[in-house]
Amino acid sequence: MLVRDTKLDRSVEVRDKLCLKRPCYWPRLDPGRFVQSIGYRGGGKCWLCGTREIHGCPASSHQPLS
């Protein structure tokens, strides 16, 4: 889902609205698709949570914030 990050003034692709308050939240530009021997291609068009993209959401992010 896309959520507006007011610090970046951009929309970021995250799991849910509470992701912006979680310690695992890491906004970054989409690097694109990785092609072996070439590198990343076609990225930089949207923002996403880097932690979610690289490692998946941590188990703690599935629990409600207290």
C-alpha atoms as a PDB file:
ATOM      1  CA  MET A   1       0.000   0.000   0.000  1.00  0.00           C
ATOM      2  CA  LEU A   2       1.178   3.535  -0.643  1.00  0.00           C
ATOM      3  CA  VAL A   3       1.456   5.789   2.407  1.00  0.00           C
ATOM      4  CA  ARG A   4       2.528   9.427   2.410  1.00  0.00           C
ATOM      5  CA  ASP A   5       5.756  10.038   4.354  1.00  0.00           C
ATOM      6  CA  THR A   6       5.607  13.684   5.429  1.00  0.00           C
ATOM      7  CA  LYS A   7       9.353  13.827   6.204  1.00  0.00           C
ATOM      8  CA  LEU A   8      10.205  12.805   2.630  1.00  0.00           C
ATOM      9  CA  ASP A   9       7.153  14.464   1.127  1.00  0.00           C
ATOM     10  CA  ARG A  10       6.742  11.322  -0.985  1.00  0.00           C
ATOM     11  CA  SER A  11       4.484   8.267  -1.152  1.00  0.00           C
ATOM     12  CA  VAL A  12       6.230   5.091   0.010  1.00  0.00           C
ATOM     13  CA  GLU A  13       5.193   1.477  -0.674  1.00  0.00           C
ATOM     14  CA  VAL A  14       4.813  -0.241   2.743  1.00  0.00           C
ATOM     15  CA  ARG A  15       2.929  -3.147   4.334  1.00  0.00           C
ATOM     16  CA  ASP A  16       0.470  -1.004   6.342  1.00  0.00           C
ATOM     17  CA  LYS A  17      -0.028   2.524   7.684  1.00  0.00           C
ATOM     18  CA  LEU A  18       1.795   1.796  10.937  1.00  0.00           C
ATOM     19  CA  CYS A  19       5.054   0.994   9.124  1.00  0.00           C
ATOM     20  CA  LEU A  20       6.078   4.659   9.251  1.00  0.00           C
ATOM     21  CA  LYS A  21       6.322   4.394  13.062  1.00  0.00           C
ATOM     22  CA  ARG A  22       8.202   1.077  13.193  1.00  0.00           C
ATOM     23  CA  PRO A  23      11.980   0.919  13.788  1.00  0.00           C
ATOM     24  CA  CYS A  24      12.444  -1.353  10.735  1.00  0.00           C
ATOM     25  CA  TYR A  25      11.067   1.324   8.348  1.00  0.00           C
ATOM     26  CA  TRP A  26      13.745   2.342   5.836  1.00  0.00           C
ATOM     27  CA  PRO A  27      12.503   4.443   2.908  1.00  0.00           C
ATOM     28  CA  ARG A  28      14.602   4.298  -0.245  1.00  0.00           C
ATOM     29  CA  LEU A  29      14.254   4.681  -3.980  1.00  0.00           C
ATOM     30  CA  ASP A  30      13.395   1.494  -5.820  1.00  0.00           C
ATOM     31  CA  PRO A  31      16.713   0.286  -7.298  1.00  0.00           C
ATOM     32  CA  GLY A  32      14.946  -1.573 -10.111  1.00  0.00           C
ATOM     33  CA  ARG A  33      15.540  -5.072 -11.404  1.00  0.00           C
ATOM     34  CA  PHE A  34      18.936  -6.713 -10.938  1.00  0.00           C
ATOM     35  CA  VAL A  35      20.439  -8.234 -14.082  1.00  0.00           C
ATOM     36  CA  GLN A  36      23.493 -10.444 -13.679  1.00  0.00           C
ATOM     37  CA  SER A  37      26.686  -8.960 -15.158  1.00  0.00           C
ATOM     38  CA  ILE A  38      24.878  -5.658 -15.787  1.00  0.00           C
ATOM     39  CA  GLY A  39      23.561  -4.439 -12.423  1.00  0.00           C
ATOM     40  CA  TYR A  40      20.333  -2.659 -11.556  1.00  0.00           C
ATOM     41  CA  ARG A  41      18.115  -1.428 -14.373  1.00  0.00           C
ATOM     42  CA  GLY A  42      14.990   0.718 -14.550  1.00  0.00           C
ATOM     43  CA  GLY A  43      14.717   1.896 -10.942  1.00  0.00           C
ATOM     44  CA  GLY A  44      14.400   5.262  -9.249  1.00  0.00           C
ATOM     45  CA  LYS A  45      10.759   5.830 -10.110  1.00  0.00           C
ATOM     46  CA  CYS A  46       9.113   5.142  -6.751  1.00  0.00           C
ATOM     47  CA  TRP A  47       9.919   4.913  -3.043  1.00  0.00           C
ATOM     48  CA  LEU A  48       9.605   1.723  -0.999  1.00  0.00           C
ATOM     49  CA  CYS A  49      10.577   0.276   2.373  1.00  0.00           C
ATOM     50  CA  GLY A  50      14.078  -1.110   1.856  1.00  0.00           C
ATOM     51  CA  THR A  51      13.822  -3.530   4.776  1.00  0.00           C
ATOM     52  CA  ARG A  52      10.656  -5.052   3.335  1.00  0.00           C
ATOM     53  CA  GLU A  53      12.149  -5.268  -0.153  1.00  0.00           C
ATOM     54  CA  ILE A  54      15.436  -6.908   0.898  1.00  0.00           C
ATOM     55  CA  HIS A  55      14.560  -9.023   3.951  1.00  0.00           C
ATOM     56  CA  GLY A  56      10.759  -9.032   4.085  1.00  0.00           C
ATOM     57  CA  CYS A  57       8.831  -7.599   7.016  1.00  0.00           C
ATOM     58  CA  PRO A  58      10.321  -8.626  10.368  1.00  0.00           C
ATOM     59  CA  ALA A  59       8.078 -10.740  12.600  1.00  0.00           C
ATOM     60  CA  SER A  60       7.721  -7.822  15.039  1.00  0.00           C
ATOM     61  CA  SER A  61       6.111  -5.687  12.342  1.00  0.00           C
ATOM     62  CA  HIS A  62       3.141  -8.083  12.218  1.00  0.00           C
ATOM     63  CA  GLN A  63       2.309  -7.291  15.853  1.00  0.00           C
ATOM     64  CA  PRO A  64       0.335  -4.149  16.743  1.00  0.00           C
ATOM     65  CA  LEU A  65       2.357  -1.300  18.197  1.00  0.00           C
ATOM     66  CA  SER A  66       1.867  -0.853  21.926  1.00  0.00           C
END
